[in-house]
């Protein structure tokens, strides 16, 4: 009896894990640091962040050490009469030259990263994103030209039946892209300034009315899953309720989804539901 209970609990945990394993890029309670990286751009951001962390840590430790040394070495008990000088040429050269060298060390990888983000490689296809108050319109011009509007799911609409959904982050129609493809994203807006941002992709691009901005991302094969983002430019009273949900799936699933979306993008999610149902069945079978 006890064995059956343990086996049942393990199976339930496996089912839950199989579902939640599809969510890769999402904020977590008590989380510290970046979300998991899913693209080469985000990998480079991670590396640059690590470099800056070492530099700022060294600067903080040096300044703290100097302060403690000065407090101990030049306290009133040891030096009741202060020295009467105002300049030290060597020290002034050092505190001018060293910060310049530090800025150069920071500038080189910073410019390299900015160039890497800004120059869009040859893309496999394009997605056009239009920010509205307060939802997103998506167009797939290279796959038949279908479009859809993605709205945030209200609390009573979250079901977790087809795949895991998160409060304030899931949308009624997700964006779908294939793994292993370079995706160009063209961003604009229909009313006020919005910003399309997906942290795990290292992507944040403003959508400005009357202007077309571009960015890109590439999710390698093996990083399939669900990634979340939000509008990152204050755009009105419902700014906090403009989430972004991106599903990265194998190429054959993406092809099936685009074919269904050309008929009706609002019912094409059934293709995703079948895909995730297959994943759950495979993982549960493996857990047994």
Protein backbone atom coordinates (compact mmCIF):
# COMPACT_ATOMS: atom_id res chain seq x y z
CA UNK A 1 0.00 0.00 0.00
CA UNK A 2 2.77 2.35 0.95
CA UNK A 3 4.62 1.50 -2.27
CA UNK A 4 1.51 2.37 -4.30
CA UNK A 5 1.24 5.73 -2.55
CA UNK A 6 4.87 6.49 -3.23
CA UNK A 7 4.53 5.39 -6.85
CA UNK A 8 1.40 7.52 -7.26
CA UNK A 9 3.13 10.56 -5.80
CA UNK A 10 6.12 10.04 -8.08
CA UNK A 11 3.86 9.74 -11.12
CA UNK A 12 1.98 12.91 -10.16
CA UNK A 13 5.28 14.74 -9.75
CA UNK A 14 6.39 13.46 -13.14
CA UNK A 15 3.19 14.73 -14.79
CA UNK A 16 3.60 18.14 -13.14
CA UNK A 17 7.25 18.25 -14.09
CA UNK A 18 6.50 17.27 -17.66
CA UNK A 19 4.10 20.18 -17.99
CA UNK A 20 6.21 22.78 -16.22
CA UNK A 21 9.34 21.69 -18.09
CA UNK A 22 7.96 23.47 -21.16
CA UNK A 23 8.31 26.87 -19.45
CA UNK A 24 11.91 27.97 -19.84
CA UNK A 25 12.01 31.77 -19.75
CA UNK A 26 9.83 33.24 -17.02
CA UNK A 27 10.30 35.23 -13.81
CA UNK A 28 10.47 33.19 -10.61
CA UNK A 29 9.52 34.12 -7.06
CA UNK A 30 12.62 35.22 -5.17
CA UNK A 31 14.70 34.94 -8.33
CA UNK A 32 18.07 36.67 -8.51
CA UNK A 33 19.84 37.53 -11.73
CA UNK A 34 18.86 37.03 -15.35
CA UNK A 35 16.41 34.53 -16.73
CA UNK A 36 17.98 31.51 -18.46
CA UNK A 37 19.69 32.45 -21.71
CA UNK A 38 18.14 31.05 -24.89
CA UNK A 39 20.01 32.93 -27.64
CA UNK A 40 23.58 33.86 -28.60
CA UNK A 41 22.74 37.52 -27.94
CA UNK A 42 21.75 36.73 -24.37
CA UNK A 43 24.89 34.60 -23.97
CA UNK A 44 26.96 37.65 -24.86
CA UNK A 45 24.97 39.81 -22.44
CA UNK A 46 25.69 37.25 -19.71
CA UNK A 47 29.43 37.40 -20.49
CA UNK A 48 29.46 41.22 -20.52
CA UNK A 49 27.53 41.33 -17.25
CA UNK A 50 30.06 38.95 -15.67
CA UNK A 51 32.96 41.16 -16.80
CA UNK A 52 31.30 44.26 -15.33
CA UNK A 53 30.60 42.40 -12.08
CA UNK A 54 34.31 41.57 -11.64
CA UNK A 55 35.33 45.16 -12.44
CA UNK A 56 32.83 46.83 -10.11
CA UNK A 57 33.60 44.35 -7.33
CA UNK A 58 37.32 45.13 -7.60
CA UNK A 59 36.60 48.89 -7.57
CA UNK A 60 34.33 48.59 -4.51
CA UNK A 61 36.89 46.50 -2.61
CA UNK A 62 39.68 48.92 -3.49
CA UNK A 63 37.69 51.98 -2.41
CA UNK A 64 36.56 50.25 0.79
CA UNK A 65 40.17 49.27 1.56
CA UNK A 66 41.38 52.84 0.99
CA UNK A 67 38.66 54.25 3.25
CA UNK A 68 39.48 51.81 6.06
CA UNK A 69 43.20 52.48 5.67
CA UNK A 70 42.70 56.24 5.79
CA UNK A 71 40.39 55.98 8.83
CA UNK A 72 42.94 53.85 10.69
CA UNK A 73 46.12 55.55 9.50
CA UNK A 74 45.10 59.18 9.77
CA UNK A 75 42.83 59.22 12.78
CA UNK A 76 43.18 62.09 15.27
CA UNK A 77 44.98 59.97 17.89
CA UNK A 78 47.91 59.40 15.54
CA UNK A 79 47.81 62.74 13.72
CA UNK A 80 46.45 65.50 15.95
CA UNK A 81 48.10 68.03 13.62
CA UNK A 82 46.97 67.54 10.00
CA UNK A 83 49.49 67.79 7.17
CA UNK A 84 49.37 71.05 5.25
CA UNK A 85 49.55 70.11 1.56
CA UNK A 86 46.94 70.08 -1.21
CA UNK A 87 48.48 68.30 -4.22
CA UNK A 88 50.19 65.05 -5.09
CA UNK A 89 51.10 64.76 -8.76
CA UNK A 90 51.50 60.96 -8.79
CA UNK A 91 48.15 60.32 -7.10
CA UNK A 92 46.36 62.75 -9.42
CA UNK A 93 47.84 61.02 -12.48
CA UNK A 94 46.81 57.61 -11.13
CA UNK A 95 43.21 58.55 -10.30
CA UNK A 96 42.84 60.09 -13.76
CA UNK A 97 44.56 57.39 -15.83
CA UNK A 98 43.16 54.32 -14.10
CA UNK A 99 39.45 55.24 -14.62
CA UNK A 100 40.22 55.99 -18.29
CA UNK A 101 41.79 52.54 -18.70
CA UNK A 102 38.81 50.93 -16.96
CA UNK A 103 36.38 52.72 -19.30
CA UNK A 104 38.39 51.51 -22.32
CA UNK A 105 38.28 47.94 -21.01
CA UNK A 106 34.50 48.26 -20.64
CA UNK A 107 33.97 50.08 -23.95
CA UNK A 108 35.55 47.46 -26.22
CA UNK A 109 33.21 44.53 -25.37
CA UNK A 110 30.31 46.97 -24.97
CA UNK A 111 30.62 48.27 -28.55
CA UNK A 112 31.15 44.72 -29.80
CA UNK A 113 27.91 43.62 -28.11
CA UNK A 114 25.96 46.62 -29.40
CA UNK A 115 27.16 45.89 -32.94
CA UNK A 116 26.23 42.21 -32.57
CA UNK A 117 22.72 43.14 -31.42
CA UNK A 118 22.21 45.84 -34.04
CA UNK A 119 23.46 44.11 -37.21
CA UNK A 120 20.78 41.64 -38.26
CA UNK A 121 22.14 38.51 -39.98
CA UNK A 122 20.39 36.96 -42.95
CA UNK A 123 17.01 35.98 -41.54
CA UNK A 124 14.99 32.88 -42.28
CA UNK A 125 11.75 34.83 -41.95
CA UNK A 126 10.24 38.00 -40.50
CA UNK A 127 7.62 38.69 -37.86
CA UNK A 128 6.02 42.11 -37.67
CA UNK A 129 4.94 43.29 -34.21
CA UNK A 130 2.55 46.19 -33.66
CA UNK A 131 2.00 47.55 -30.16
CA UNK A 132 -1.50 48.73 -29.30
CA UNK A 133 -3.16 50.03 -26.16
CA UNK A 134 -3.04 47.40 -24.69
CA UNK A 135 -2.23 44.30 -26.70
CA UNK A 136 0.04 43.12 -29.51
CA UNK A 137 -0.73 42.48 -33.17
CA UNK A 138 1.51 39.96 -34.95
CA UNK A 139 1.92 39.43 -38.68
CA UNK A 140 3.77 36.61 -40.48
CA UNK A 141 4.39 38.09 -43.97
CA UNK A 142 6.65 35.20 -45.06
CA UNK A 143 4.11 32.51 -44.17
CA UNK A 144 0.98 33.62 -45.96
CA UNK A 145 0.52 37.02 -44.34
CA UNK A 146 -1.85 35.92 -41.55
CA UNK A 147 -2.11 38.10 -38.47
CA UNK A 148 -3.61 37.92 -35.00
CA UNK A 149 -4.03 40.00 -31.88
CA UNK A 150 -2.64 38.61 -28.61
CA UNK A 151 -4.34 39.66 -25.38
CA UNK A 152 -3.42 38.78 -21.83
CA UNK A 153 -5.44 35.94 -20.29
CA UNK A 154 -7.56 37.01 -17.36
CA UNK A 155 -7.33 34.99 -14.14
CA UNK A 156 -10.49 33.01 -14.86
CA UNK A 157 -9.21 32.12 -18.35
CA UNK A 158 -6.06 30.34 -17.18
CA UNK A 159 -6.62 26.59 -17.46
CA UNK A 160 -3.21 24.87 -17.90
CA UNK A 161 -5.06 22.25 -19.95
CA UNK A 162 -3.04 22.50 -23.16
CA UNK A 163 0.21 23.83 -21.68
CA UNK A 164 1.35 25.63 -18.54
CA UNK A 165 0.09 29.19 -18.28
CA UNK A 166 1.15 31.94 -15.92
CA UNK A 167 -0.88 34.74 -14.41
CA UNK A 168 -0.25 38.16 -16.01
CA UNK A 169 2.12 36.58 -18.56
CA UNK A 170 0.12 34.17 -20.73
CA UNK A 171 -1.79 35.32 -23.79
CA UNK A 172 -4.79 33.92 -25.62
CA UNK A 173 -2.75 33.43 -28.83
CA UNK A 174 1.01 32.87 -28.46
CA UNK A 175 3.77 33.75 -30.88
CA UNK A 176 5.29 30.60 -32.41
CA UNK A 177 8.77 30.29 -33.91
CA UNK A 178 10.92 27.29 -34.85
CA UNK A 179 14.17 26.46 -33.10
CA UNK A 180 17.29 26.77 -35.21
CA UNK A 181 15.94 29.71 -37.23
CA UNK A 182 17.09 33.32 -37.37
CA UNK A 183 14.01 35.49 -36.89
CA UNK A 184 13.87 39.16 -37.85
CA UNK A 185 11.38 41.12 -35.71
CA UNK A 186 10.05 44.41 -37.06
CA UNK A 187 8.47 46.50 -34.31
CA UNK A 188 6.19 49.50 -34.55
CA UNK A 189 3.14 50.89 -32.74
CA UNK A 190 -0.32 52.13 -33.65
CA UNK A 191 -0.83 54.74 -30.92
CA UNK A 192 1.88 55.44 -28.31
CA UNK A 193 5.41 54.13 -27.70
CA UNK A 194 5.56 50.47 -26.64
CA UNK A 195 8.54 48.14 -26.24
CA UNK A 196 8.70 44.48 -27.22
CA UNK A 197 10.98 42.71 -24.74
CA UNK A 198 11.76 39.04 -24.07
CA UNK A 199 14.50 38.77 -21.39
CA UNK A 200 15.68 35.23 -22.23
CA UNK A 201 16.23 36.29 -25.84
CA UNK A 202 18.18 39.42 -24.90
CA UNK A 203 15.68 41.41 -26.96
CA UNK A 204 14.13 44.80 -26.18
CA UNK A 205 12.99 46.99 -29.05
CA UNK A 206 10.82 50.10 -28.91
CA UNK A 207 7.71 50.27 -31.04
CA UNK A 208 7.23 53.89 -32.12
CA UNK A 209 4.24 55.13 -34.17
CA UNK A 210 5.30 55.97 -37.72
CA UNK A 211 8.66 54.25 -37.36
CA UNK A 212 9.80 50.69 -38.10
CA UNK A 213 12.51 49.31 -35.81
CA UNK A 214 14.19 45.94 -36.23
CA UNK A 215 15.78 43.37 -33.97
CA UNK A 216 16.48 39.64 -34.21
CA UNK A 217 16.93 36.45 -32.26
CA UNK A 218 18.08 32.90 -32.87
CA UNK A 219 17.07 30.08 -30.53
CA UNK A 220 19.26 27.00 -31.15
CA UNK A 221 17.77 23.54 -31.37
CA UNK A 222 17.49 22.02 -27.93
CA UNK A 223 16.19 25.25 -26.36
CA UNK A 224 12.54 24.60 -27.25
CA UNK A 225 10.02 25.81 -24.71
CA UNK A 226 7.81 28.71 -23.67
CA UNK A 227 9.33 32.14 -23.07
CA UNK A 228 7.65 35.20 -21.63
CA UNK A 229 8.19 38.94 -21.90
CA UNK A 230 6.28 42.16 -21.35
CA UNK A 231 5.90 45.63 -22.75
CA UNK A 232 8.84 47.57 -21.30
CA UNK A 233 7.78 51.13 -22.08
CA UNK A 234 5.12 52.82 -19.94
CA UNK A 235 2.21 53.15 -22.36
CA UNK A 236 -0.86 53.89 -20.27
CA UNK A 237 -3.02 52.52 -17.49
CA UNK A 238 -2.83 48.91 -18.71
CA UNK A 239 0.88 48.94 -19.46
CA UNK A 240 1.43 46.13 -16.94
CA UNK A 241 -1.04 43.91 -18.78
CA UNK A 242 0.69 43.59 -22.18
CA UNK A 243 2.56 40.29 -21.86
CA UNK A 244 4.43 38.46 -24.61
CA UNK A 245 4.30 34.67 -24.92
CA UNK A 246 6.65 32.97 -27.38
CA UNK A 247 6.63 29.23 -28.07
CA UNK A 248 9.83 27.83 -29.56
CA UNK A 249 9.00 24.49 -31.18
CA UNK A 250 10.59 22.02 -33.62
CA UNK A 251 10.43 23.02 -37.27
CA UNK A 252 7.77 20.44 -38.22
CA UNK A 253 5.47 21.71 -35.45
CA UNK A 254 6.00 25.28 -36.62
CA UNK A 255 5.15 24.30 -40.20
CA UNK A 256 1.94 22.60 -39.06
CA UNK A 257 1.05 25.64 -36.95
CA UNK A 258 1.55 28.11 -39.82
CA UNK A 259 -0.60 25.98 -42.11
CA UNK A 260 -3.37 25.97 -39.52
CA UNK A 261 -2.89 29.68 -38.80
CA UNK A 262 -3.46 30.56 -42.45
CA UNK A 263 -6.95 29.11 -42.06
CA UNK A 264 -7.59 30.63 -38.62
CA UNK A 265 -4.78 31.82 -36.31
CA UNK A 266 -7.13 31.80 -33.32
CA UNK A 267 -7.69 28.03 -33.54
CA UNK A 268 -4.16 27.07 -34.65
CA UNK A 269 -3.16 26.64 -31.00
CA UNK A 270 -4.67 23.17 -31.23
CA UNK A 271 -1.47 22.17 -33.06
CA UNK A 272 0.53 23.31 -30.04
CA UNK A 273 -1.81 21.48 -27.69
CA UNK A 274 -1.21 18.22 -29.57
CA UNK A 275 2.54 18.80 -29.50
CA UNK A 276 2.62 19.39 -25.73
CA UNK A 277 0.31 16.45 -25.10
CA UNK A 278 2.84 14.26 -26.91
CA UNK A 279 5.67 15.69 -24.79
CA UNK A 280 3.76 14.96 -21.59
CA UNK A 281 2.99 11.42 -22.65
CA UNK A 282 6.63 10.77 -23.55
CA UNK A 283 7.94 12.16 -20.25
CA UNK A 284 5.39 10.31 -18.15
CA UNK A 285 6.22 7.08 -19.96
CA UNK A 286 9.92 7.67 -19.35
CA UNK A 287 9.23 8.39 -15.64
CA UNK A 288 7.50 5.06 -15.28
